[in-house]
C-alpha atoms as a PDB file:
ATOM      1  CA  MET A   1       0.000   0.000   0.000  1.00  0.00           C
ATOM      2  CA  THR A   2       1.393   3.403  -0.971  1.00  0.00           C
ATOM      3  CA  LEU A   3       1.645   6.266   1.501  1.00  0.00           C
ATOM      4  CA  LEU A   4      -1.062   8.181  -0.388  1.00  0.00           C
ATOM      5  CA  THR A   5      -3.390   5.187  -0.301  1.00  0.00           C
ATOM      6  CA  SER A   6      -2.710   4.776   3.413  1.00  0.00           C
ATOM      7  CA  LEU A   7      -3.543   8.428   4.054  1.00  0.00           C
ATOM      8  CA  ARG A   8      -6.809   8.151   2.126  1.00  0.00           C
ATOM      9  CA  ALA A   9      -7.738   5.001   4.040  1.00  0.00           C
ATOM     10  CA  ALA A  10      -6.904   6.758   7.296  1.00  0.00           C
ATOM     11  CA  ALA A  11      -9.071   9.719   6.325  1.00  0.00           C
ATOM     12  CA  LEU A  12     -12.034   7.476   5.584  1.00  0.00           C
ATOM     13  CA  GLY A  13     -11.409   5.518   8.766  1.00  0.00           C
ATOM     14  CA  ALA A  14     -11.354   8.723  10.764  1.00  0.00           C
ATOM     15  CA  ALA A  15     -14.672   9.780   9.264  1.00  0.00           C
ATOM     16  CA  PHE A  16     -16.360   6.546  10.246  1.00  0.00           C
ATOM     17  CA  ALA A  17     -14.747   6.636  13.685  1.00  0.00           C
ATOM     18  CA  VAL A  18     -16.181  10.105  14.316  1.00  0.00           C
ATOM     19  CA  SER A  19     -19.544   8.896  13.078  1.00  0.00           C
ATOM     20  CA  ALA A  20     -19.445   5.947  15.449  1.00  0.00           C
ATOM     21  CA  THR A  21     -18.126   7.692  18.555  1.00  0.00           C
ATOM     22  CA  GLY A  22     -18.929  11.395  18.120  1.00  0.00           C
ATOM     23  CA  ALA A  23     -21.937  13.474  19.013  1.00  0.00           C
ATOM     24  CA  TRP A  24     -24.085  12.259  16.128  1.00  0.00           C
ATOM     25  CA  ALA A  25     -25.617   8.818  16.241  1.00  0.00           C
ATOM     26  CA  ALA A  26     -25.815   8.862  12.451  1.00  0.00           C
ATOM     27  CA  ASP A  27     -27.708   6.251  10.494  1.00  0.00           C
ATOM     28  CA  TYR A  28     -26.066   7.405   7.251  1.00  0.00           C
ATOM     29  CA  THR A  29     -22.720   9.043   6.507  1.00  0.00           C
ATOM     30  CA  LEU A  30     -21.849  10.955   3.353  1.00  0.00           C
ATOM     31  CA  ASN A  31     -18.152  11.655   2.739  1.00  0.00           C
ATOM     32  CA  VAL A  32     -17.780  14.631   0.384  1.00  0.00           C
ATOM     33  CA  ASN A  33     -14.534  14.968  -1.563  1.00  0.00           C
ATOM     34  CA  THR A  34     -13.477  18.267  -3.130  1.00  0.00           C
ATOM     35  CA  ALA A  35     -10.342  19.770  -4.659  1.00  0.00           C
ATOM     36  CA  LEU A  36     -11.238  23.079  -2.975  1.00  0.00           C
ATOM     37  CA  THR A  37      -9.126  24.527  -0.195  1.00  0.00           C
ATOM     38  CA  MET A  38     -10.770  25.412   3.103  1.00  0.00           C
ATOM     39  CA  GLU A  39     -10.347  29.128   2.308  1.00  0.00           C
ATOM     40  CA  ASP A  40     -12.441  28.929  -0.862  1.00  0.00           C
ATOM     41  CA  PRO A  41     -15.900  30.577  -0.636  1.00  0.00           C
ATOM     42  CA  LEU A  42     -17.421  27.406  -2.073  1.00  0.00           C
ATOM     43  CA  TYR A  43     -15.920  25.350   0.746  1.00  0.00           C
ATOM     44  CA  LYS A  44     -17.705  27.623   3.209  1.00  0.00           C
ATOM     45  CA  GLY A  45     -20.872  26.629   1.368  1.00  0.00           C
ATOM     46  CA  LEU A  46     -20.065  22.966   1.889  1.00  0.00           C
ATOM     47  CA  GLU A  47     -19.703  23.650   5.609  1.00  0.00           C
ATOM     48  CA  GLU A  48     -23.164  25.260   5.524  1.00  0.00           C
ATOM     49  CA  PHE A  49     -24.534  22.231   3.658  1.00  0.00           C
ATOM     50  CA  LYS A  50     -23.042  19.881   6.256  1.00  0.00           C
ATOM     51  CA  ALA A  51     -24.427  21.855   9.213  1.00  0.00           C
ATOM     52  CA  ARG A  52     -27.931  22.222   7.808  1.00  0.00           C
ATOM     53  CA  VAL A  53     -28.237  18.589   6.694  1.00  0.00           C
ATOM     54  CA  GLU A  54     -27.115  17.327  10.082  1.00  0.00           C
ATOM     55  CA  THR A  55     -29.455  19.703  11.891  1.00  0.00           C
ATOM     56  CA  LYS A  56     -32.504  19.040   9.726  1.00  0.00           C
ATOM     57  CA  THR A  57     -32.081  15.249   9.893  1.00  0.00           C
ATOM     58  CA  GLN A  58     -31.413  15.470  13.656  1.00  0.00           C
ATOM     59  CA  GLY A  59     -28.032  13.901  13.101  1.00  0.00           C
ATOM     60  CA  LYS A  60     -29.360  10.893  11.230  1.00  0.00           C
ATOM     61  CA  VAL A  61     -27.322  11.919   8.164  1.00  0.00           C
ATOM     62  CA  ALA A  62     -23.722  12.871   8.950  1.00  0.00           C
ATOM     63  CA  VAL A  63     -21.737  14.792   6.332  1.00  0.00           C
ATOM     64  CA  ARG A  64     -17.927  14.638   6.368  1.00  0.00           C
ATOM     65  CA  LEU A  65     -15.905  17.066   4.241  1.00  0.00           C
ATOM     66  CA  PHE A  66     -12.540  16.237   2.679  1.00  0.00           C
ATOM     67  CA  PRO A  67     -10.871  19.294   1.100  1.00  0.00           C
ATOM     68  CA  GLY A  68      -7.757  19.109  -1.049  1.00  0.00           C
ATOM     69  CA  SER A  69      -8.977  15.880  -2.728  1.00  0.00           C
ATOM     70  CA  GLN A  70      -8.057  13.861   0.353  1.00  0.00           C
ATOM     71  CA  LEU A  71     -10.115  10.901  -0.834  1.00  0.00           C
ATOM     72  CA  GLY A  72      -8.463  10.836  -4.258  1.00  0.00           C
ATOM     73  CA  LYS A  73      -9.076  12.064  -7.782  1.00  0.00           C
ATOM     74  CA  ASP A  74     -12.615  12.979  -8.790  1.00  0.00           C
ATOM     75  CA  GLU A  75     -12.760  10.079 -11.236  1.00  0.00           C
ATOM     76  CA  ASP A  76     -11.777   7.581  -8.528  1.00  0.00           C
ATOM     77  CA  VAL A  77     -14.386   8.879  -6.085  1.00  0.00           C
ATOM     78  CA  LEU A  78     -17.036   8.742  -8.809  1.00  0.00           C
ATOM     79  CA  GLU A  79     -16.194   5.079  -9.341  1.00  0.00           C
ATOM     80  CA  GLN A  80     -16.626   4.468  -5.603  1.00  0.00           C
ATOM     81  CA  ALA A  81     -20.010   6.188  -5.797  1.00  0.00           C
ATOM     82  CA  ARG A  82     -21.004   4.071  -8.772  1.00  0.00           C
ATOM     83  CA  ALA A  83     -20.177   1.012  -6.664  1.00  0.00           C
ATOM     84  CA  GLY A  84     -22.622   2.194  -3.987  1.00  0.00           C
ATOM     85  CA  ALA A  85     -20.298   3.802  -1.444  1.00  0.00           C
ATOM     86  CA  GLY A  86     -21.530   6.695   0.691  1.00  0.00           C
ATOM     87  CA  VAL A  87     -19.289   9.200  -1.023  1.00  0.00           C
ATOM     88  CA  ALA A  88     -19.900  12.340  -3.042  1.00  0.00           C
ATOM     89  CA  VAL A  89     -17.676  14.627  -5.053  1.00  0.00           C
ATOM     90  CA  VAL A  90     -17.843  18.271  -6.099  1.00  0.00           C
ATOM     91  CA  VAL A  91     -17.374  17.742  -9.809  1.00  0.00           C
ATOM     92  CA  ASP A  92     -17.636  19.591 -13.127  1.00  0.00           C
ATOM     93  CA  GLY A  93     -19.745  18.468 -16.068  1.00  0.00           C
ATOM     94  CA  GLY A  94     -16.770  17.451 -18.179  1.00  0.00           C
ATOM     95  CA  ARG A  95     -15.992  14.519 -15.913  1.00  0.00           C
ATOM     96  CA  LEU A  96     -19.617  13.368 -16.080  1.00  0.00           C
ATOM     97  CA  ALA A  97     -19.792  13.578 -19.874  1.00  0.00           C
ATOM     98  CA  VAL A  98     -18.149  10.153 -20.170  1.00  0.00           C
ATOM     99  CA  TYR A  99     -21.406   8.759 -18.730  1.00  0.00           C
ATOM    100  CA  THR A 100     -23.953  11.243 -20.088  1.00  0.00           C
ATOM    101  CA  LYS A 101     -22.713  13.352 -22.982  1.00  0.00           C
ATOM    102  CA  GLU A 102     -24.956  16.363 -22.344  1.00  0.00           C
ATOM    103  CA  PHE A 103     -23.082  17.267 -19.155  1.00  0.00           C
ATOM    104  CA  GLY A 104     -20.032  18.139 -21.228  1.00  0.00           C
ATOM    105  CA  VAL A 105     -21.721  21.245 -22.629  1.00  0.00           C
ATOM    106  CA  LEU A 106     -21.511  22.868 -19.168  1.00  0.00           C
ATOM    107  CA  GLY A 107     -17.777  23.315 -19.732  1.00  0.00           C
ATOM    108  CA  ALA A 108     -18.140  24.669 -23.245  1.00  0.00           C
ATOM    109  CA  PRO A 109     -16.881  28.182 -24.032  1.00  0.00           C
ATOM    110  CA  TYR A 110     -19.063  31.211 -23.380  1.00  0.00           C
ATOM    111  CA  LEU A 111     -22.145  29.094 -22.648  1.00  0.00           C
ATOM    112  CA  ALA A 112     -23.804  31.692 -20.419  1.00  0.00           C
ATOM    113  CA  SER A 113     -23.065  34.941 -18.639  1.00  0.00           C
ATOM    114  CA  GLY A 114     -21.971  34.672 -15.001  1.00  0.00           C
ATOM    115  CA  PHE A 115     -23.595  32.679 -12.223  1.00  0.00           C
ATOM    116  CA  GLU A 116     -27.169  33.757 -12.843  1.00  0.00           C
ATOM    117  CA  GLY A 117     -26.913  32.803 -16.514  1.00  0.00           C
ATOM    118  CA  VAL A 118     -25.460  29.362 -15.964  1.00  0.00           C
ATOM    119  CA  ARG A 119     -27.778  28.730 -12.988  1.00  0.00           C
ATOM    120  CA  LYS A 120     -30.713  28.890 -15.396  1.00  0.00           C
ATOM    121  CA  VAL A 121     -29.140  26.011 -17.321  1.00  0.00           C
ATOM    122  CA  VAL A 122     -28.544  23.757 -14.301  1.00  0.00           C
ATOM    123  CA  THR A 123     -32.038  24.265 -12.862  1.00  0.00           C
ATOM    124  CA  SER A 124     -33.828  23.807 -16.190  1.00  0.00           C
ATOM    125  CA  PRO A 125     -36.099  20.889 -17.167  1.00  0.00           C
ATOM    126  CA  GLN A 126     -33.448  19.932 -19.739  1.00  0.00           C
ATOM    127  CA  PHE A 127     -30.875  19.531 -16.984  1.00  0.00           C
ATOM    128  CA  GLU A 128     -33.213  17.386 -14.891  1.00  0.00           C
ATOM    129  CA  GLY A 129     -33.496  15.102 -17.907  1.00  0.00           C
ATOM    130  CA  TRP A 130     -29.708  14.799 -18.106  1.00  0.00           C
ATOM    131  CA  SER A 131     -29.574  13.980 -14.396  1.00  0.00           C
ATOM    132  CA  GLU A 132     -32.066  11.165 -14.843  1.00  0.00           C
ATOM    133  CA  LYS A 133     -30.002   9.783 -17.726  1.00  0.00           C
ATOM    134  CA  LEU A 134     -26.928   9.918 -15.470  1.00  0.00           C
ATOM    135  CA  ARG A 135     -28.746   7.883 -12.814  1.00  0.00           C
ATOM    136  CA  LYS A 136     -29.669   5.217 -15.343  1.00  0.00           C
ATOM    137  CA  SER A 137     -26.373   5.096 -17.231  1.00  0.00           C
ATOM    138  CA  ALA A 138     -23.908   5.440 -14.356  1.00  0.00           C
ATOM    139  CA  GLY A 139     -25.708   5.002 -11.042  1.00  0.00           C
ATOM    140  CA  LEU A 140     -24.876   8.569 -10.004  1.00  0.00           C
ATOM    141  CA  GLN A 141     -27.236  10.978  -8.228  1.00  0.00           C
ATOM    142  CA  VAL A 142     -26.982  14.758  -8.625  1.00  0.00           C
ATOM    143  CA  LEU A 143     -27.862  16.566  -5.386  1.00  0.00           C
ATOM    144  CA  SER A 144     -27.518  20.002  -6.991  1.00  0.00           C
ATOM    145  CA  PHE A 145     -25.352  21.509  -9.717  1.00  0.00           C
ATOM    146  CA  ASN A 146     -25.406  25.212  -8.857  1.00  0.00           C
ATOM    147  CA  TRP A 147     -21.952  25.477  -7.267  1.00  0.00           C
ATOM    148  CA  TRP A 148     -20.319  28.263  -9.301  1.00  0.00           C
ATOM    149  CA  GLN A 149     -16.590  28.622  -8.881  1.00  0.00           C
ATOM    150  CA  GLY A 150     -16.205  31.642 -11.144  1.00  0.00           C
ATOM    151  CA  GLU A 151     -15.173  32.457 -14.669  1.00  0.00           C
ATOM    152  CA  ARG A 152     -11.898  30.945 -15.800  1.00  0.00           C
ATOM    153  CA  HIS A 153      -9.108  33.200 -17.027  1.00  0.00           C
ATOM    154  CA  LEU A 154      -5.607  32.754 -18.449  1.00  0.00           C
ATOM    155  CA  LEU A 155      -2.533  32.774 -16.186  1.00  0.00           C
ATOM    156  CA  THR A 156       0.712  33.306 -18.087  1.00  0.00           C
ATOM    157  CA  ASN A 157       4.120  34.929 -17.888  1.00  0.00           C
ATOM    158  CA  LYS A 158       3.622  36.900 -21.097  1.00  0.00           C
ATOM    159  CA  PRO A 159       1.030  39.386 -22.354  1.00  0.00           C
ATOM    160  CA  VAL A 160      -2.009  37.918 -24.115  1.00  0.00           C
ATOM    161  CA  LYS A 161      -4.337  39.990 -26.278  1.00  0.00           C
ATOM    162  CA  THR A 162      -5.518  37.563 -28.973  1.00  0.00           C
ATOM    163  CA  PRO A 163      -5.541  33.800 -29.593  1.00  0.00           C
ATOM    164  CA  ALA A 164      -2.384  34.203 -31.699  1.00  0.00           C
ATOM    165  CA  ASP A 165      -0.482  35.116 -28.506  1.00  0.00           C
ATOM    166  CA  LEU A 166      -1.114  31.625 -27.130  1.00  0.00           C
ATOM    167  CA  ALA A 167       0.547  29.806 -30.026  1.00  0.00           C
ATOM    168  CA  GLY A 168       3.067  27.262 -28.750  1.00  0.00           C
ATOM    169  CA  LEU A 169       2.118  27.668 -25.074  1.00  0.00           C
ATOM    170  CA  ARG A 170       1.540  24.444 -23.153  1.00  0.00           C
ATOM    171  CA  MET A 171      -1.513  25.206 -21.024  1.00  0.00           C
ATOM    172  CA  ARG A 172      -2.784  23.015 -18.239  1.00  0.00           C
ATOM    173  CA  THR A 173      -6.454  22.161 -18.361  1.00  0.00           C
ATOM    174  CA  PRO A 174      -8.614  19.263 -17.107  1.00  0.00           C
ATOM    175  CA  GLY A 175      -8.617  16.259 -19.422  1.00  0.00           C
ATOM    176  CA  ALA A 176     -12.284  16.333 -20.464  1.00  0.00           C
ATOM    177  CA  PRO A 177     -12.719  16.701 -24.256  1.00  0.00           C
ATOM    178  CA  VAL A 178     -14.707  19.939 -24.048  1.00  0.00           C
ATOM    179  CA  TRP A 179     -11.963  21.634 -22.004  1.00  0.00           C
ATOM    180  CA  MET A 180      -9.208  20.298 -24.252  1.00  0.00           C
ATOM    181  CA  GLU A 181     -10.940  21.465 -27.428  1.00  0.00           C
ATOM    182  CA  THR A 182     -11.671  24.882 -25.944  1.00  0.00           C
ATOM    183  CA  ILE A 183      -8.033  25.510 -25.065  1.00  0.00           C
ATOM    184  CA  ARG A 184      -6.899  24.185 -28.438  1.00  0.00           C
ATOM    185  CA  ALA A 185      -9.353  26.495 -30.196  1.00  0.00           C
ATOM    186  CA  MET A 186      -8.059  29.422 -28.147  1.00  0.00           C
ATOM    187  CA  GLY A 187      -4.613  28.831 -29.620  1.00  0.00           C
ATOM    188  CA  ALA A 188      -2.696  27.000 -26.881  1.00  0.00           C
ATOM    189  CA  THR A 189      -1.602  23.365 -26.584  1.00  0.00           C
ATOM    190  CA  PRO A 190      -3.867  21.702 -23.977  1.00  0.00           C
ATOM    191  CA  THR A 191      -1.917  19.774 -21.352  1.00  0.00           C
ATOM    192  CA  PRO A 192      -4.101  17.766 -18.967  1.00  0.00           C
ATOM    193  CA  MET A 193      -2.877  17.186 -15.414  1.00  0.00           C
ATOM    194  CA  GLY A 194      -4.181  17.131 -11.855  1.00  0.00           C
ATOM    195  CA  TRP A 195      -4.661  20.466 -10.126  1.00  0.00           C
ATOM    196  CA  SER A 196      -2.151  19.608  -7.400  1.00  0.00           C
ATOM    197  CA  GLU A 197       0.519  19.180 -10.070  1.00  0.00           C
ATOM    198  CA  VAL A 198       0.066  22.642 -11.594  1.00  0.00           C
ATOM    199  CA  TYR A 199       2.293  24.690  -9.268  1.00  0.00           C
ATOM    200  CA  PRO A 200       5.396  22.470  -9.606  1.00  0.00           C
ATOM    201  CA  ALA A 201       4.767  22.043 -13.340  1.00  0.00           C
ATOM    202  CA  LEU A 202       4.820  25.823 -13.802  1.00  0.00           C
ATOM    203  CA  GLN A 203       7.806  26.149 -11.504  1.00  0.00           C
ATOM    204  CA  GLN A 204       9.760  23.523 -13.474  1.00  0.00           C
ATOM    205  CA  LYS A 205       8.502  24.862 -16.831  1.00  0.00           C
ATOM    206  CA  VAL A 206       6.816  21.586 -17.729  1.00  0.00           C
ATOM    207  CA  ILE A 207       3.895  23.829 -18.724  1.00  0.00           C
ATOM    208  CA  ASP A 208       3.866  27.501 -19.691  1.00  0.00           C
ATOM    209  CA  ALA A 209       0.411  28.574 -18.594  1.00  0.00           C
ATOM    210  CA  VAL A 210      -2.805  27.554 -16.889  1.00  0.00           C
ATOM    211  CA  GLU A 211      -6.456  28.615 -16.971  1.00  0.00           C
ATOM    212  CA  ALA A 212      -8.431  28.871 -13.767  1.00  0.00           C
ATOM    213  CA  GLN A 213     -10.888  30.886 -11.699  1.00  0.00           C
ATOM    214  CA  HIS A 214      -9.628  33.442  -9.165  1.00  0.00           C
ATOM    215  CA  PRO A 215     -10.363  31.556  -5.901  1.00  0.00           C
ATOM    216  CA  ALA A 216      -8.483  28.481  -7.127  1.00  0.00           C
ATOM    217  CA  SER A 217      -5.597  30.525  -8.538  1.00  0.00           C
ATOM    218  CA  PHE A 218      -5.124  32.357  -5.270  1.00  0.00           C
ATOM    219  CA  GLY A 219      -5.607  29.252  -3.129  1.00  0.00           C
ATOM    220  CA  ALA A 220      -2.908  27.422  -5.114  1.00  0.00           C
ATOM    221  CA  ARG A 221      -0.537  30.436  -4.840  1.00  0.00           C
ATOM    222  CA  LEU A 222      -0.153  30.572  -8.599  1.00  0.00           C
ATOM    223  CA  TYR A 223       0.817  34.231  -8.242  1.00  0.00           C
ATOM    224  CA  GLU A 224       4.244  32.868  -7.253  1.00  0.00           C
ATOM    225  CA  VAL A 225       4.792  31.131 -10.606  1.00  0.00           C
ATOM    226  CA  THR A 226       2.822  33.336 -13.033  1.00  0.00           C
ATOM    227  CA  ASN A 227       2.726  37.115 -13.308  1.00  0.00           C
ATOM    228  CA  ARG A 228      -0.253  37.852 -15.573  1.00  0.00           C
ATOM    229  CA  ILE A 229      -3.950  37.114 -15.537  1.00  0.00           C
ATOM    230  CA  THR A 230      -5.835  37.837 -18.744  1.00  0.00           C
ATOM    231  CA  LYS A 231      -9.583  37.992 -18.115  1.00  0.00           C
ATOM    232  CA  THR A 232     -11.028  35.932 -20.943  1.00  0.00           C
ATOM    233  CA  GLY A 233     -13.857  34.414 -18.881  1.00  0.00           C
ATOM    234  CA  HIS A 234     -13.919  31.620 -21.453  1.00  0.00           C
ATOM    235  CA  ILE A 235     -15.550  29.034 -19.203  1.00  0.00           C
ATOM    236  CA  ASN A 236     -18.036  29.494 -16.360  1.00  0.00           C
ATOM    237  CA  LEU A 237     -16.957  26.805 -13.936  1.00  0.00           C
ATOM    238  CA  ILE A 238     -20.197  25.366 -12.621  1.00  0.00           C
ATOM    239  CA  THR A 239     -19.943  22.245 -10.482  1.00  0.00           C
ATOM    240  CA  GLY A 240     -22.264  19.975  -8.564  1.00  0.00           C
ATOM    241  CA  ILE A 241     -22.422  17.582  -5.645  1.00  0.00           C
ATOM    242  CA  VAL A 242     -22.786  14.107  -7.116  1.00  0.00           C
ATOM    243  CA  THR A 243     -23.206  10.961  -5.035  1.00  0.00           C
ATOM    244  CA  SER A 244     -24.155   7.311  -5.359  1.00  0.00           C
ATOM    245  CA  ALA A 245     -27.681   6.653  -6.608  1.00  0.00           C
ATOM    246  CA  ALA A 246     -27.690   3.309  -4.772  1.00  0.00           C
ATOM    247  CA  TRP A 247     -26.680   4.982  -1.487  1.00  0.00           C
ATOM    248  CA  PHE A 248     -29.170   7.814  -2.015  1.00  0.00           C
ATOM    249  CA  ASP A 249     -32.019   5.406  -2.773  1.00  0.00           C
ATOM    250  CA  LYS A 250     -31.580   3.760   0.639  1.00  0.00           C
ATOM    251  CA  LEU A 251     -32.394   7.008   2.439  1.00  0.00           C
ATOM    252  CA  PRO A 252     -35.852   7.745   3.812  1.00  0.00           C
ATOM    253  CA  ALA A 253     -37.813  10.151   1.601  1.00  0.00           C
ATOM    254  CA  ASP A 254     -37.498  13.052   4.052  1.00  0.00           C
ATOM    255  CA  HIS A 255     -33.704  12.692   4.172  1.00  0.00           C
ATOM    256  CA  LYS A 256     -33.523  12.682   0.371  1.00  0.00           C
ATOM    257  CA  LYS A 257     -35.549  15.889   0.307  1.00  0.00           C
ATOM    258  CA  VAL A 258     -33.274  17.550   2.863  1.00  0.00           C
ATOM    259  CA  LEU A 259     -30.112  16.624   0.967  1.00  0.00           C
ATOM    260  CA  ARG A 260     -31.365  18.020  -2.340  1.00  0.00           C
ATOM    261  CA  GLU A 261     -32.928  21.161  -0.887  1.00  0.00           C
ATOM    262  CA  GLU A 262     -29.928  22.018   1.250  1.00  0.00           C
ATOM    263  CA  ALA A 263     -27.472  21.304  -1.573  1.00  0.00           C
ATOM    264  CA  LEU A 264     -29.349  23.784  -3.764  1.00  0.00           C
ATOM    265  CA  ALA A 265     -29.626  26.434  -1.042  1.00  0.00           C
ATOM    266  CA  ALA A 266     -25.983  26.158   0.016  1.00  0.00           C
ATOM    267  CA  GLY A 267     -24.864  26.163  -3.614  1.00  0.00           C
ATOM    268  CA  ASP A 268     -26.688  29.445  -4.230  1.00  0.00           C
ATOM    269  CA  ASN A 269     -25.239  31.049  -1.100  1.00  0.00           C
ATOM    270  CA  ALA A 270     -21.719  29.851  -1.835  1.00  0.00           C
ATOM    271  CA  SER A 271     -21.887  30.930  -5.469  1.00  0.00           C
ATOM    272  CA  ARG A 272     -23.004  34.431  -4.563  1.00  0.00           C
ATOM    273  CA  ALA A 273     -20.257  34.588  -1.935  1.00  0.00           C
ATOM    274  CA  THR A 274     -17.799  33.598  -4.646  1.00  0.00           C
ATOM    275  CA  GLN A 275     -19.183  36.354  -6.875  1.00  0.00           C
ATOM    276  CA  ALA A 276     -18.729  38.893  -4.064  1.00  0.00           C
ATOM    277  CA  SER A 277     -15.161  37.733  -3.378  1.00  0.00           C
ATOM    278  CA  LEU A 278     -13.707  38.094  -6.876  1.00  0.00           C
ATOM    279  CA  ALA A 279     -12.670  41.747  -6.597  1.00  0.00           C
ATOM    280  CA  ASP A 280     -10.870  41.005  -3.331  1.00  0.00           C
ATOM    281  CA  PHE A 281      -9.014  38.072  -4.880  1.00  0.00           C
ATOM    282  CA  GLU A 282      -7.912  40.351  -7.719  1.00  0.00           C
ATOM    283  CA  LYS A 283      -6.677  42.956  -5.256  1.00  0.00           C
ATOM    284  CA  LYS A 284      -4.721  40.362  -3.286  1.00  0.00           C
ATOM    285  CA  MET A 285      -3.079  38.948  -6.415  1.00  0.00           C
ATOM    286  CA  GLN A 286      -2.199  42.421  -7.659  1.00  0.00           C
ATOM    287  CA  GLU A 287      -0.559  43.060  -4.295  1.00  0.00           C
ATOM    288  CA  LYS A 288       1.511  39.936  -4.966  1.00  0.00           C
ATOM    289  CA  GLY A 289       2.768  41.477  -8.214  1.00  0.00           C
ATOM    290  CA  VAL A 290       0.316  39.999 -10.715  1.00  0.00           C
ATOM    291  CA  THR A 291      -0.846  42.156 -13.618  1.00  0.00           C
ATOM    292  CA  ILE A 292      -4.557  41.667 -14.305  1.00  0.00           C
ATOM    293  CA  GLU A 293      -5.709  42.716 -17.751  1.00  0.00           C
ATOM    294  CA  GLU A 294      -9.175  43.261 -19.191  1.00  0.00           C
ATOM    295  CA  ILE A 295      -9.229  42.585 -22.941  1.00  0.00           C
ATOM    296  CA  ASP A 296     -11.679  42.426 -25.807  1.00  0.00           C
ATOM    297  CA  VAL A 297     -12.802  38.793 -25.647  1.00  0.00           C
ATOM    298  CA  ALA A 298     -14.533  38.869 -29.052  1.00  0.00           C
ATOM    299  CA  PRO A 299     -11.568  37.168 -30.821  1.00  0.00           C
ATOM    300  CA  PHE A 300     -11.686  34.351 -28.245  1.00  0.00           C
ATOM    301  CA  ARG A 301     -15.450  33.938 -28.610  1.00  0.00           C
ATOM    302  CA  GLN A 302     -15.012  33.713 -32.362  1.00  0.00           C
ATOM    303  CA  ALA A 303     -12.097  31.287 -32.109  1.00  0.00           C
ATOM    304  CA  THR A 304     -13.990  28.897 -29.823  1.00  0.00           C
ATOM    305  CA  ALA A 305     -17.406  29.020 -31.498  1.00  0.00           C
ATOM    306  CA  GLY A 306     -16.651  25.863 -33.477  1.00  0.00           C
ATOM    307  CA  VAL A 307     -16.138  23.770 -30.344  1.00  0.00           C
ATOM    308  CA  TYR A 308     -19.885  23.115 -30.080  1.00  0.00           C
ATOM    309  CA  GLU A 309     -20.092  21.690 -33.591  1.00  0.00           C
ATOM    310  CA  LYS A 310     -16.868  19.711 -33.245  1.00  0.00           C
ATOM    311  CA  LEU A 311     -18.154  17.916 -30.134  1.00  0.00           C
ATOM    312  CA  GLY A 312     -21.710  17.483 -31.359  1.00  0.00           C
ATOM    313  CA  TYR A 313     -23.299  20.128 -29.129  1.00  0.00           C
ATOM    314  CA  SER A 314     -24.649  22.536 -31.785  1.00  0.00           C
ATOM    315  CA  ASP A 315     -28.319  21.585 -31.367  1.00  0.00           C
ATOM    316  CA  LEU A 316     -28.013  21.447 -27.589  1.00  0.00           C
ATOM    317  CA  LYS A 317     -26.459  24.934 -27.556  1.00  0.00           C
ATOM    318  CA  LYS A 318     -29.424  26.322 -29.490  1.00  0.00           C
ATOM    319  CA  GLU A 319     -31.815  24.628 -27.062  1.00  0.00           C
ATOM    320  CA  LEU A 320     -29.994  26.056 -24.049  1.00  0.00           C
ATOM    321  CA  ASP A 321     -29.834  29.531 -25.577  1.00  0.00           C
ATOM    322  CA  GLN A 322     -33.632  29.479 -25.487  1.00  0.00           C
ATOM    323  CA  ALA A 323     -33.663  28.151 -21.920  1.00  0.00           C
ATOM    324  CA  VAL A 324     -31.474  30.944 -20.510  1.00  0.00           C
ATOM    325  CA  LYS A 325     -33.243  33.884 -22.168  1.00  0.00           C
END
């Protein structure tokens, strides 16, 4: 057993030990894995979700939070959920698209404007249909998908004004096809890797650039290894809490209702807190020596418009354009 595996096992063991010996006499335990740091506004939302679920179920459902991906990669935790484990993960649509293709469109470029725009998509009847398909195809249950982490921007060590300025740059991005094609269309060479690997990869010049939202960029101290943020806002990073359908189906009806209602409420609160925090994150990164530039994003919109057709999302994009009006 590797050290990392041992640590993950210890973390899970600790969660169940607390459940067994702590204040709650829980009938059910949900272990929530997230790549977020504890300082992220969205993590504060997860703490709210935990507190309200435990209170409203009178401790019958215990929620344990594991920041920094302590339980492993998102894909690994999703596989545990598919097997029926009481785990959940804060995950983007790209990683769910391997099970239900429609989810991939959530990571497509310039899908909607800000949190309120993309929230209309993830609370629409169309989205509920995708969620039902996900249950049937992969055994995964969406609790809510309104956890907005912000618009993603470019972090580089050179000025960027147009897609041509990204030519030859190796840019880290998640490995989902929609993300890869978006970065390729923007002019860079997409380089998939885990988020925890980004800082050393930039430091060692394995990659030249990265794209991310402000809370994650600041939390990972990327201001130490990049000196420019170009505000392209090319992807609205909307994520959701996804758990095991088999585990969820074992819950009493009132517990199911609490989990879904509180996931939606906490997601809204956390997303609006994220929205309110962005200016402060910019100020802090500027104080660290980062230049933050507003540019005309029209060339990037034009460059990435073909991503929808390339991945087979053209009709879905038209449908969603009507849904978010």
